[in-house]
Amino acid sequence: MGFSVTQSSISSMLTANLDSQQSSLSVLEQQLSSGVNYSQPSQDPAAVVQALGISSQVNRFNQYVSNANDGLIVAKMADSTLNSAVSALQQARTVYVAAGGAGITPASAAGLVQSLQSAYQSLLGLANTTYMGQGIFAGTSGSATAYDSAGNYLGSQSSPTRTVAPAFQTPVAVTAPFGQSGAANNVFGALQTAISDLKAGNYSKVYNGDLATFDNAMQGVLSAAASQGQMVQQLQYMQNQATQTVQDLQAQYGSIQNVNVAKVASDYAQAMNNYQIAMQVAASAVQPTLAKYI
């Protein structure tokens, strides 16, 4: 049985073709006017799914940036505090050296005691620096006080951290930088010993024995300051990495969501040309067949 091509079927095919091309033109016009590749999910479901996935990643990495920023506040505060502590310790060390000088008297020793007591209070204040109501050197204990007035450490040994990348946390502050309670490198214990010896008149012991203990304690603070500086650098690096990732993801999102104007304009011009040709073909195909109806 043969297939008969009627005027009606030709008209239907031509009309369907024109409708399809009009639809394509409409989409391209919408893209050019709105600047986006799609206005409804149904226009490009795959692109929508991809865009949603990228948007979710952007939100996650923005949180990593925020975490790193918060961590840097604490880390830089701890770094600055330890640098101030090192300066205070260096000044206190001159007292130990002065105690070994010839001709020291009870009156001059009293002045040295006062200097060490002042250094003690200054260092205690630095050791108990807080951020958001918590001691920055108290670890994860949540305590507002890292050291009590006697120089005993009240915090934990676990450093506070921030999540700055997928499954990656970095510490933001050292713990017990002035030494553990009763340990040989406890700064406050070393100062208390020197103060007691000066008050007791054991001037030579301050220089010949206590100074070595003090230097050991001071070395502990120097090591803590070095570790804290590394934490600052690590957080800054991770912050930069997270920020760059956000920018890269946003660029990917833009390539999916935003129109390539030059390409769409070229496609539109081509589609318009095809549509005009189709109109001419339709007109040519339909008009002759009308003669028999005249």
Protein backbone atom coordinates (compact mmCIF):
# COMPACT_ATOMS: atom_id res chain seq x y z
CA MET A 1 0.00 0.00 0.00
CA GLY A 2 1.53 3.33 -1.01
CA PHE A 3 1.83 6.40 1.13
CA SER A 4 -0.09 9.37 -0.19
CA VAL A 5 1.28 12.83 0.59
CA THR A 6 -1.66 15.17 0.76
CA GLN A 7 -1.72 18.93 0.86
CA SER A 8 -3.03 18.66 4.40
CA SER A 9 -0.07 16.56 5.57
CA ILE A 10 2.37 18.96 3.90
CA SER A 11 0.75 21.91 5.63
CA SER A 12 0.87 20.11 8.97
CA MET A 13 4.58 19.35 8.60
CA LEU A 14 5.38 22.88 7.55
CA THR A 15 3.33 24.30 10.42
CA ALA A 16 5.06 21.99 12.93
CA ASN A 17 8.43 23.07 11.58
CA LEU A 18 7.54 26.74 11.87
CA ASP A 19 6.24 26.22 15.41
CA SER A 20 9.49 24.50 16.40
CA GLN A 21 11.62 27.26 14.97
CA GLN A 22 9.47 29.92 16.61
CA SER A 23 9.95 28.15 19.94
CA SER A 24 13.73 28.09 19.43
CA LEU A 25 13.72 31.78 18.57
CA SER A 26 11.67 32.52 21.67
CA VAL A 27 14.16 30.71 23.90
CA LEU A 28 17.10 32.54 22.34
CA GLU A 29 15.33 35.89 22.68
CA GLN A 30 14.64 35.16 26.34
CA GLN A 31 18.27 34.24 26.92
CA LEU A 32 19.47 37.46 25.31
CA SER A 33 17.04 39.64 27.25
CA SER A 34 17.51 37.96 30.66
CA GLY A 35 21.20 37.14 30.43
CA VAL A 36 20.65 33.61 31.78
CA ASN A 37 20.57 30.27 30.02
CA TYR A 38 17.32 29.17 31.57
CA SER A 39 14.50 30.75 33.52
CA GLN A 40 12.75 27.51 34.45
CA PRO A 41 14.23 24.14 35.51
CA SER A 42 12.33 22.40 32.73
CA GLN A 43 14.33 24.29 30.10
CA ASP A 44 17.59 22.52 31.07
CA PRO A 45 17.16 20.01 33.92
CA ALA A 46 20.76 18.75 33.73
CA ALA A 47 22.17 22.27 33.99
CA VAL A 48 19.89 23.01 36.94
CA VAL A 49 21.11 19.93 38.82
CA GLN A 50 24.72 20.87 38.11
CA ALA A 51 24.14 24.47 39.20
CA LEU A 52 22.49 23.37 42.45
CA GLY A 53 25.45 21.11 43.22
CA ILE A 54 27.92 23.94 42.63
CA SER A 55 25.82 26.34 44.70
CA SER A 56 25.91 23.87 47.59
CA GLN A 57 29.70 23.68 47.33
CA VAL A 58 29.96 27.47 47.28
CA ASN A 59 27.99 27.64 50.53
CA ARG A 60 30.20 25.00 52.14
CA PHE A 61 33.47 26.67 51.15
CA ASN A 62 32.15 30.07 52.20
CA GLN A 63 31.71 28.49 55.63
CA TYR A 64 35.32 27.30 55.53
CA VAL A 65 36.40 30.87 54.74
CA SER A 66 34.35 32.13 57.69
CA ASN A 67 35.83 29.48 59.98
CA ALA A 68 39.36 30.42 58.91
CA ASN A 69 38.61 34.11 59.49
CA ASP A 70 37.38 33.39 63.01
CA GLY A 71 40.35 31.15 63.69
CA LEU A 72 42.74 33.83 62.49
CA ILE A 73 41.33 36.31 64.98
CA VAL A 74 42.20 33.96 67.83
CA ALA A 75 45.50 32.84 66.30
CA LYS A 76 46.75 36.38 65.68
CA MET A 77 45.66 37.45 69.16
CA ALA A 78 47.59 34.54 70.68
CA ASP A 79 50.59 35.30 68.47
CA SER A 80 50.65 38.97 69.51
CA THR A 81 50.18 38.03 73.17
CA LEU A 82 53.10 35.60 73.14
CA ASN A 83 55.33 38.16 71.44
CA SER A 84 54.48 40.59 74.24
CA ALA A 85 55.23 37.86 76.78
CA VAL A 86 58.65 37.25 75.25
CA SER A 87 59.46 40.95 75.58
CA ALA A 88 58.34 40.91 79.23
CA LEU A 89 60.47 37.83 79.91
CA GLN A 90 63.52 39.43 78.33
CA GLN A 91 63.10 42.43 80.62
CA ALA A 92 62.65 40.15 83.64
CA ARG A 93 65.86 38.32 82.75
CA THR A 94 67.87 41.49 83.32
CA VAL A 95 66.77 41.30 86.97
CA TYR A 96 68.33 37.86 87.33
CA VAL A 97 71.56 39.16 85.86
CA ALA A 98 71.51 42.23 88.12
CA ALA A 99 71.13 39.97 91.17
CA GLY A 100 74.55 38.52 90.39
CA GLY A 101 76.25 41.90 90.46
CA ALA A 102 78.69 42.92 93.18
CA GLY A 103 77.56 45.18 95.97
CA ILE A 104 73.88 44.27 95.93
CA THR A 105 72.14 45.43 99.09
CA PRO A 106 68.81 44.59 100.74
CA ALA A 107 67.44 47.88 99.42
CA SER A 108 68.48 47.15 95.83
CA ALA A 109 67.25 43.58 96.22
CA ALA A 110 63.83 44.93 97.23
CA GLY A 111 63.76 46.88 93.98
CA LEU A 112 64.56 43.69 92.07
CA VAL A 113 61.77 41.87 93.90
CA GLN A 114 59.33 44.59 92.92
CA SER A 115 60.44 44.30 89.27
CA LEU A 116 59.92 40.54 89.24
CA GLN A 117 56.55 40.85 90.95
CA SER A 118 55.49 43.38 88.34
CA ALA A 119 56.68 41.03 85.57
CA TYR A 120 54.75 38.20 87.22
CA GLN A 121 51.48 40.13 87.20
CA SER A 122 52.03 41.35 83.65
CA LEU A 123 52.71 37.81 82.39
CA LEU A 124 49.73 36.44 84.32
CA GLY A 125 47.51 38.98 82.58
CA LEU A 126 48.89 37.99 79.19
CA ALA A 127 48.45 34.29 79.99
CA ASN A 128 44.77 34.91 80.75
CA THR A 129 43.95 36.84 77.58
CA THR A 130 40.41 35.98 76.49
CA TYR A 131 38.37 35.90 73.29
CA MET A 132 34.58 35.69 73.47
CA GLY A 133 34.83 35.02 77.19
CA GLN A 134 37.26 32.10 76.90
CA GLY A 135 40.96 31.96 77.67
CA ILE A 136 42.82 31.69 74.38
CA PHE A 137 45.50 29.50 76.00
CA ALA A 138 43.06 27.33 77.98
CA GLY A 139 42.58 24.81 75.17
CA THR A 140 39.09 23.40 74.74
CA SER A 141 38.25 23.61 78.45
CA GLY A 142 36.02 26.65 77.94
CA SER A 143 37.62 28.26 80.97
CA ALA A 144 37.98 32.03 81.01
CA THR A 145 41.16 31.61 83.07
CA ALA A 146 44.14 29.66 81.78
CA TYR A 147 46.34 30.21 84.86
CA ASP A 148 45.36 30.95 88.44
CA SER A 149 47.12 33.53 90.60
CA ALA A 150 49.64 30.91 91.76
CA GLY A 151 50.59 30.10 88.17
CA ASN A 152 48.81 26.74 87.99
CA TYR A 153 47.46 25.79 84.56
CA LEU A 154 43.69 25.37 84.58
CA GLY A 155 43.08 24.58 80.92
CA SER A 156 43.12 21.42 78.80
CA GLN A 157 45.85 20.01 76.59
CA SER A 158 43.57 19.89 73.55
CA SER A 159 43.96 22.88 71.23
CA PRO A 160 40.83 24.59 69.86
CA THR A 161 40.46 24.01 66.12
CA ARG A 162 38.55 25.28 63.11
CA THR A 163 37.33 23.23 60.15
CA VAL A 164 38.82 24.99 57.14
CA ALA A 165 38.52 22.34 54.40
CA PRO A 166 36.63 19.08 53.83
CA ALA A 167 37.53 16.72 56.70
CA PHE A 168 40.41 19.01 57.73
CA GLN A 169 40.78 20.91 61.00
CA THR A 170 43.67 23.11 62.08
CA PRO A 171 44.56 24.32 65.61
CA VAL A 172 44.22 28.03 66.33
CA ALA A 173 46.09 28.45 69.63
CA VAL A 174 48.74 26.67 71.68
CA THR A 175 47.93 25.36 75.15
CA ALA A 176 49.84 25.99 78.40
CA PRO A 177 52.51 28.18 76.73
CA PHE A 178 53.80 29.33 80.14
CA GLY A 179 54.32 25.79 81.36
CA GLN A 180 52.33 23.17 83.22
CA SER A 181 51.57 23.41 86.92
CA GLY A 182 54.65 22.52 88.98
CA ALA A 183 56.76 21.77 85.90
CA ALA A 184 60.37 22.91 85.69
CA ASN A 185 59.51 25.14 82.75
CA ASN A 186 56.60 26.89 84.45
CA VAL A 187 57.33 30.60 84.10
CA PHE A 188 55.42 31.58 87.22
CA GLY A 189 57.14 28.97 89.35
CA ALA A 190 60.53 30.18 88.13
CA LEU A 191 59.68 33.78 88.99
CA GLN A 192 58.33 32.81 92.44
CA THR A 193 61.57 30.98 93.23
CA ALA A 194 63.70 33.98 92.31
CA ILE A 195 61.46 36.32 94.32
CA SER A 196 61.74 34.05 97.37
CA ASP A 197 65.56 33.86 97.08
CA LEU A 198 65.88 37.62 96.74
CA LYS A 199 63.70 38.15 99.80
CA ALA A 200 65.79 35.60 101.71
CA GLY A 201 69.04 37.31 100.72
CA ASN A 202 70.20 34.45 98.49
CA TYR A 203 71.31 36.84 95.79
CA SER A 204 74.00 34.66 94.25
CA LYS A 205 71.54 31.75 93.89
CA VAL A 206 69.29 33.91 91.76
CA TYR A 207 72.03 34.39 89.21
CA ASN A 208 73.86 31.08 89.54
CA GLY A 209 70.87 28.74 89.82
CA ASP A 210 67.51 30.42 89.31
CA LEU A 211 68.57 32.02 86.04
CA ALA A 212 69.05 28.62 84.38
CA THR A 213 65.55 27.58 85.47
CA PHE A 214 64.14 30.85 84.19
CA ASP A 215 65.91 30.46 80.84
CA ASN A 216 64.42 26.99 80.49
CA ALA A 217 60.95 28.39 81.14
CA MET A 218 61.55 31.26 78.74
CA GLN A 219 62.60 28.79 76.05
CA GLY A 220 59.25 27.10 76.46
CA VAL A 221 57.46 30.37 75.74
CA LEU A 222 59.70 30.99 72.73
CA SER A 223 58.86 27.53 71.37
CA ALA A 224 55.16 28.17 71.96
CA ALA A 225 55.43 31.51 70.12
CA ALA A 226 57.09 29.76 67.16
CA SER A 227 54.31 27.15 67.05
CA GLN A 228 51.70 29.88 67.26
CA GLY A 229 53.26 31.70 64.34
CA GLN A 230 53.02 28.51 62.28
CA MET A 231 49.34 28.22 63.17
CA VAL A 232 48.74 31.73 61.86
CA GLN A 233 50.48 30.89 58.59
CA GLN A 234 48.52 27.65 58.23
CA LEU A 235 45.20 29.39 58.79
CA GLN A 236 46.07 32.14 56.33
CA TYR A 237 47.02 29.54 53.72
CA MET A 238 43.81 27.57 54.23
CA GLN A 239 41.77 30.79 54.14
CA ASN A 240 43.33 31.69 50.78
CA GLN A 241 42.71 28.19 49.45
CA ALA A 242 39.05 28.24 50.47
CA THR A 243 38.59 31.74 49.02
CA GLN A 244 40.13 30.66 45.70
CA THR A 245 37.90 27.59 45.60
CA VAL A 246 34.82 29.78 46.12
CA GLN A 247 35.90 32.00 43.23
CA ASP A 248 36.50 29.00 40.96
CA LEU A 249 33.12 27.50 41.85
CA GLN A 250 31.37 30.81 41.23
CA ALA A 251 33.01 30.99 37.81
CA GLN A 252 31.71 27.48 37.05
CA TYR A 253 28.24 28.46 38.22
CA GLY A 254 28.34 31.56 36.04
CA SER A 255 29.32 29.52 32.97
CA ILE A 256 26.23 27.35 33.50
CA GLN A 257 23.79 30.05 34.54
CA ASN A 258 24.91 33.06 32.52
CA VAL A 259 24.50 33.43 28.78
CA ASN A 260 27.45 33.54 26.39
CA VAL A 261 26.08 36.61 24.65
CA ALA A 262 28.26 36.34 21.53
CA LYS A 263 27.32 32.70 20.97
CA VAL A 264 23.61 33.16 21.66
CA ALA A 265 23.50 36.24 19.39
CA SER A 266 25.09 34.19 16.61
CA ASP A 267 22.66 31.30 17.21
CA TYR A 268 19.76 33.75 17.18
CA ALA A 269 20.85 35.25 13.86
CA GLN A 270 21.16 31.78 12.35
CA ALA A 271 17.79 30.69 13.79
CA MET A 272 16.11 33.82 12.42
CA ASN A 273 17.58 33.15 8.99
CA ASN A 274 16.35 29.53 9.11
CA TYR A 275 12.91 30.71 10.17
CA GLN A 276 12.65 33.16 7.31
CA ILE A 277 13.65 30.45 4.82
CA ALA A 278 11.07 28.10 6.34
CA MET A 279 8.43 30.82 5.93
CA GLN A 280 9.30 31.21 2.28
CA VAL A 281 9.20 27.44 1.73
CA ALA A 282 5.83 27.24 3.46
CA ALA A 283 4.43 30.05 1.36
CA SER A 284 5.69 28.47 -1.86
CA ALA A 285 4.35 25.04 -0.97
CA VAL A 286 0.90 26.18 0.04
CA GLN A 287 -0.04 28.90 -2.52
CA PRO A 288 -0.08 26.80 -5.75
CA THR A 289 -2.44 24.30 -4.22
CA LEU A 290 -5.03 26.99 -3.66
CA ALA A 291 -5.63 27.45 -7.37
CA LYS A 292 -8.01 24.54 -7.65
CA TYR A 293 -10.15 26.06 -4.94
CA ILE A 294 -10.51 29.40 -6.78
